[in-house]
Every structure is written in C-alpha cells, then in structure tokens.
Amino acid sequence: MMKQLILLMLPVMLLAGCAGPRVGVVDTNRLLNESVLALSAQKQLNEQEKLMTADLQFQSRTLKGADFEQLRQNHFRDLARMKQELEDRLNRRVREVVEDVARQERVRIVIAKGSVICQPDDARCGGRDITQKVLDKLK
C-alpha cells in the first residue's frame, strides 16, 4: 500500500554536504504508523470504504444483477482513485520533508531502513537515522 510507494520513492539522492558521502536512513514503517499525515490518509480511506459498503448494502435491496455490479465496480474504482490521490499527496510531502531534513543534516543519500544490508546502528555503516526529524516536520 502506501509503504510500497514510499519505498519506491526512496532512496532520495541529494546534493547536500561536502566531505564524503553521508548516508541518512528513514524508517518508512514508523512514518506510516506514526505520522499524522499517513494516519489521517488511512482514516479517510477507512471512512470512505465504510460509507461505500453501507451504500452497497442499502442498494442491494433495490438493484439487482448488472446494475448492482456496475455500482459496486464504480465504488471500487472511486475508492482506488481516492487511495491513489492520498498516497501521491503523502509521498510528495514525505519527499519534501526528507529532502529538507537531509539538507539540514548535510546528508547526501537517504535510503529506506531495511532496504540495505548495513543498518544505521551498525558502526561500519556510518549512516544515521533521520526518521524522528522527518516525523517531527510532518506534524
């Protein structure tokens, strides 16, 4: 779902910083589970799905066959469109904030946590977790 899109968006290549490559890491699971923006988008999707389900249950009393199927398909299409719009908006905002934090932290490359073998808490990696700073700016 949104995680897949955020993972596709990352790593973000940046041209900030001077001395050698500095790697920042963002925990996309935390962004999706803790950011107000992501939680709000999920809540909107859930509410819309409930409304559509209720409408389908109500309409099933009067619509039959192809008419009901057409309504069902329209609802699924509308929900998919809404989901895509919310994910696009979330991804744009996350990208903006990640780029801003990376510039401030003088990080040249940002990768998604878990997408590489070397994690930021590994001394050999040298990367630093910027997730909390991204979450703070997303609020």
C-alpha atoms as a PDB file:
ATOM      1  CA  MET A   1       0.000   0.000   0.000  1.00  0.00           C
ATOM      2  CA  MET A   2       1.488   3.380   0.964  1.00  0.00           C
ATOM      3  CA  LYS A   3       4.629   1.675   2.205  1.00  0.00           C
ATOM      4  CA  GLN A   4       5.361   0.328  -1.261  1.00  0.00           C
ATOM      5  CA  LEU A   5       5.051   3.768  -2.788  1.00  0.00           C
ATOM      6  CA  ILE A   6       7.252   5.347  -0.165  1.00  0.00           C
ATOM      7  CA  LEU A   7       9.826   2.601  -0.671  1.00  0.00           C
ATOM      8  CA  LEU A   8       9.776   3.271  -4.388  1.00  0.00           C
ATOM      9  CA  MET A   9      10.336   6.937  -3.675  1.00  0.00           C
ATOM     10  CA  LEU A  10      13.374   6.202  -1.518  1.00  0.00           C
ATOM     11  CA  PRO A  11      16.385   6.374  -1.813  1.00  0.00           C
ATOM     12  CA  VAL A  12      16.376  10.094  -2.424  1.00  0.00           C
ATOM     13  CA  MET A  13      19.620  11.304  -3.910  1.00  0.00           C
ATOM     14  CA  LEU A  14      20.633  14.722  -2.642  1.00  0.00           C
ATOM     15  CA  LEU A  15      23.469  17.072  -3.396  1.00  0.00           C
ATOM     16  CA  ALA A  16      23.871  18.472   0.113  1.00  0.00           C
ATOM     17  CA  GLY A  17      27.041  18.264   2.166  1.00  0.00           C
ATOM     18  CA  CYS A  18      30.683  18.359   1.183  1.00  0.00           C
ATOM     19  CA  ALA A  19      33.010  15.965   2.906  1.00  0.00           C
ATOM     20  CA  GLY A  20      32.445  12.427   1.728  1.00  0.00           C
ATOM     21  CA  PRO A  21      29.199  10.546   1.381  1.00  0.00           C
ATOM     22  CA  ARG A  22      26.883  10.782   4.337  1.00  0.00           C
ATOM     23  CA  VAL A  23      24.009   8.370   4.489  1.00  0.00           C
ATOM     24  CA  GLY A  24      20.683   9.028   6.157  1.00  0.00           C
ATOM     25  CA  VAL A  25      18.142   6.325   6.847  1.00  0.00           C
ATOM     26  CA  VAL A  26      14.370   6.696   7.132  1.00  0.00           C
ATOM     27  CA  ASP A  27      12.191   4.055   8.756  1.00  0.00           C
ATOM     28  CA  THR A  28       9.170   4.043   6.437  1.00  0.00           C
ATOM     29  CA  ASN A  29       7.212   1.795   8.807  1.00  0.00           C
ATOM     30  CA  ARG A  30       7.486   4.448  11.503  1.00  0.00           C
ATOM     31  CA  LEU A  31       6.462   7.165   9.061  1.00  0.00           C
ATOM     32  CA  LEU A  32       3.332   5.224   8.132  1.00  0.00           C
ATOM     33  CA  ASN A  33       2.483   4.239  11.698  1.00  0.00           C
ATOM     34  CA  GLU A  34       3.305   7.488  13.489  1.00  0.00           C
ATOM     35  CA  SER A  35       2.921  10.424  11.125  1.00  0.00           C
ATOM     36  CA  VAL A  36      -0.295  12.383  11.442  1.00  0.00           C
ATOM     37  CA  LEU A  37      -0.459  12.752   7.663  1.00  0.00           C
ATOM     38  CA  ALA A  38      -0.302   8.995   6.987  1.00  0.00           C
ATOM     39  CA  LEU A  39      -2.735   8.169   9.780  1.00  0.00           C
ATOM     40  CA  SER A  40      -5.146  10.808   8.514  1.00  0.00           C
ATOM     41  CA  ALA A  41      -4.988   9.415   4.977  1.00  0.00           C
ATOM     42  CA  GLN A  42      -5.674   5.905   6.263  1.00  0.00           C
ATOM     43  CA  LYS A  43      -8.593   7.175   8.345  1.00  0.00           C
ATOM     44  CA  GLN A  44     -10.092   8.916   5.298  1.00  0.00           C
ATOM     45  CA  LEU A  45      -9.803   5.708   3.268  1.00  0.00           C
ATOM     46  CA  ASN A  46     -11.382   3.640   6.029  1.00  0.00           C
ATOM     47  CA  GLU A  47     -14.292   6.064   6.407  1.00  0.00           C
ATOM     48  CA  GLN A  48     -14.912   6.175   2.655  1.00  0.00           C
ATOM     49  CA  GLU A  49     -14.825   2.384   2.477  1.00  0.00           C
ATOM     50  CA  LYS A  50     -17.399   2.149   5.290  1.00  0.00           C
ATOM     51  CA  LEU A  51     -19.671   4.624   3.507  1.00  0.00           C
ATOM     52  CA  MET A  52     -19.399   2.713   0.243  1.00  0.00           C
ATOM     53  CA  THR A  53     -20.048  -0.602   1.964  1.00  0.00           C
ATOM     54  CA  ALA A  54     -23.132   0.811   3.658  1.00  0.00           C
ATOM     55  CA  ASP A  55     -24.357   2.229   0.349  1.00  0.00           C
ATOM     56  CA  LEU A  56     -23.844  -1.129  -1.374  1.00  0.00           C
ATOM     57  CA  GLN A  57     -25.775  -2.912   1.361  1.00  0.00           C
ATOM     58  CA  PHE A  58     -28.599  -0.416   1.049  1.00  0.00           C
ATOM     59  CA  GLN A  59     -28.619  -0.524  -2.759  1.00  0.00           C
ATOM     60  CA  SER A  60     -28.556  -4.335  -2.818  1.00  0.00           C
ATOM     61  CA  ARG A  61     -32.209  -4.265  -1.756  1.00  0.00           C
ATOM     62  CA  THR A  62     -33.301  -2.470  -4.921  1.00  0.00           C
ATOM     63  CA  LEU A  63     -30.572  -3.042  -7.513  1.00  0.00           C
ATOM     64  CA  LYS A  64     -30.025  -6.476  -8.957  1.00  0.00           C
ATOM     65  CA  GLY A  65     -27.686  -8.131 -11.401  1.00  0.00           C
ATOM     66  CA  ALA A  66     -25.740  -5.892 -13.768  1.00  0.00           C
ATOM     67  CA  ASP A  67     -26.962  -2.651 -12.177  1.00  0.00           C
ATOM     68  CA  PHE A  68     -25.690  -3.650  -8.753  1.00  0.00           C
ATOM     69  CA  GLU A  69     -22.431  -4.942 -10.220  1.00  0.00           C
ATOM     70  CA  GLN A  70     -21.924  -1.642 -12.043  1.00  0.00           C
ATOM     71  CA  LEU A  71     -22.444   0.307  -8.814  1.00  0.00           C
ATOM     72  CA  ARG A  72     -20.029  -1.989  -6.980  1.00  0.00           C
ATOM     73  CA  GLN A  73     -17.371  -1.504  -9.654  1.00  0.00           C
ATOM     74  CA  ASN A  74     -17.884   2.264  -9.567  1.00  0.00           C
ATOM     75  CA  HIS A  75     -17.398   2.293  -5.794  1.00  0.00           C
ATOM     76  CA  PHE A  76     -14.221   0.209  -6.049  1.00  0.00           C
ATOM     77  CA  ARG A  77     -12.888   2.472  -8.801  1.00  0.00           C
ATOM     78  CA  ASP A  78     -13.674   5.596  -6.749  1.00  0.00           C
ATOM     79  CA  LEU A  79     -12.012   4.126  -3.685  1.00  0.00           C
ATOM     80  CA  ALA A  80      -8.918   3.148  -5.694  1.00  0.00           C
ATOM     81  CA  ARG A  81      -8.744   6.668  -7.161  1.00  0.00           C
ATOM     82  CA  MET A  82      -9.046   8.220  -3.704  1.00  0.00           C
ATOM     83  CA  LYS A  83      -6.357   5.905  -2.357  1.00  0.00           C
ATOM     84  CA  GLN A  84      -4.001   6.821  -5.199  1.00  0.00           C
ATOM     85  CA  GLU A  85      -4.565  10.559  -4.656  1.00  0.00           C
ATOM     86  CA  LEU A  86      -3.923  10.270  -0.912  1.00  0.00           C
ATOM     87  CA  GLU A  87      -0.796   8.182  -1.483  1.00  0.00           C
ATOM     88  CA  ASP A  88       0.517  10.650  -4.068  1.00  0.00           C
ATOM     89  CA  ARG A  89      -0.070  13.567  -1.689  1.00  0.00           C
ATOM     90  CA  LEU A  90       1.600  11.690   1.177  1.00  0.00           C
ATOM     91  CA  ASN A  91       4.581  10.701  -0.969  1.00  0.00           C
ATOM     92  CA  ARG A  92       5.092  14.270  -2.209  1.00  0.00           C
ATOM     93  CA  ARG A  93       5.026  15.618   1.330  1.00  0.00           C
ATOM     94  CA  VAL A  94       7.331  12.900   2.680  1.00  0.00           C
ATOM     95  CA  ARG A  95       9.775  13.533  -0.164  1.00  0.00           C
ATOM     96  CA  GLU A  96       9.785  17.284   0.557  1.00  0.00           C
ATOM     97  CA  VAL A  97      10.391  16.749   4.259  1.00  0.00           C
ATOM     98  CA  VAL A  98      13.064  14.083   3.735  1.00  0.00           C
ATOM     99  CA  GLU A  99      14.896  16.377   1.320  1.00  0.00           C
ATOM    100  CA  ASP A 100      14.653  19.285   3.779  1.00  0.00           C
ATOM    101  CA  VAL A 101      15.926  17.229   6.726  1.00  0.00           C
ATOM    102  CA  ALA A 102      18.698  15.746   4.576  1.00  0.00           C
ATOM    103  CA  ARG A 103      19.856  19.236   3.578  1.00  0.00           C
ATOM    104  CA  GLN A 104      19.812  20.402   7.192  1.00  0.00           C
ATOM    105  CA  GLU A 105      21.682  17.319   8.349  1.00  0.00           C
ATOM    106  CA  ARG A 106      24.083  17.544   5.404  1.00  0.00           C
ATOM    107  CA  VAL A 107      23.133  14.058   4.266  1.00  0.00           C
ATOM    108  CA  ARG A 108      23.852  13.219   0.631  1.00  0.00           C
ATOM    109  CA  ILE A 109      21.919   9.970   0.284  1.00  0.00           C
ATOM    110  CA  VAL A 110      18.752   8.841   2.055  1.00  0.00           C
ATOM    111  CA  ILE A 111      17.690   5.197   1.994  1.00  0.00           C
ATOM    112  CA  ALA A 112      14.784   3.273   3.439  1.00  0.00           C
ATOM    113  CA  LYS A 113      15.603   1.295   6.564  1.00  0.00           C
ATOM    114  CA  GLY A 114      15.531  -2.402   5.848  1.00  0.00           C
ATOM    115  CA  SER A 115      16.251  -1.996   2.149  1.00  0.00           C
ATOM    116  CA  VAL A 116      20.006  -2.431   2.654  1.00  0.00           C
ATOM    117  CA  ILE A 117      22.181  -4.889   4.499  1.00  0.00           C
ATOM    118  CA  CYS A 118      24.010  -2.224   6.506  1.00  0.00           C
ATOM    119  CA  GLN A 119      21.747  -0.511   9.052  1.00  0.00           C
ATOM    120  CA  PRO A 120      22.389   2.896  10.678  1.00  0.00           C
ATOM    121  CA  ASP A 121      23.090   1.393  14.105  1.00  0.00           C
ATOM    122  CA  ASP A 122      25.924  -0.680  12.577  1.00  0.00           C
ATOM    123  CA  ALA A 123      29.250   1.126  13.208  1.00  0.00           C
ATOM    124  CA  ARG A 124      30.550   0.002   9.784  1.00  0.00           C
ATOM    125  CA  CYS A 125      27.681   1.734   8.014  1.00  0.00           C
ATOM    126  CA  GLY A 126      28.097   5.288   9.184  1.00  0.00           C
ATOM    127  CA  GLY A 127      24.503   6.125   8.325  1.00  0.00           C
ATOM    128  CA  ARG A 128      22.250   7.970  10.685  1.00  0.00           C
ATOM    129  CA  ASP A 129      18.590   7.555  11.309  1.00  0.00           C
ATOM    130  CA  ILE A 130      16.727  10.765  10.443  1.00  0.00           C
ATOM    131  CA  THR A 131      13.257   9.269  10.896  1.00  0.00           C
ATOM    132  CA  GLN A 132      12.379  11.202  14.060  1.00  0.00           C
ATOM    133  CA  LYS A 133      13.329  14.520  12.487  1.00  0.00           C
ATOM    134  CA  VAL A 134      11.174  13.683   9.450  1.00  0.00           C
ATOM    135  CA  LEU A 135       8.258  12.738  11.722  1.00  0.00           C
ATOM    136  CA  ASP A 136       8.648  15.971  13.678  1.00  0.00           C
ATOM    137  CA  LYS A 137       8.458  18.019  10.484  1.00  0.00           C
ATOM    138  CA  LEU A 138       5.479  16.038   9.156  1.00  0.00           C
ATOM    139  CA  LYS A 139       3.387  17.001  12.211  1.00  0.00           C
END
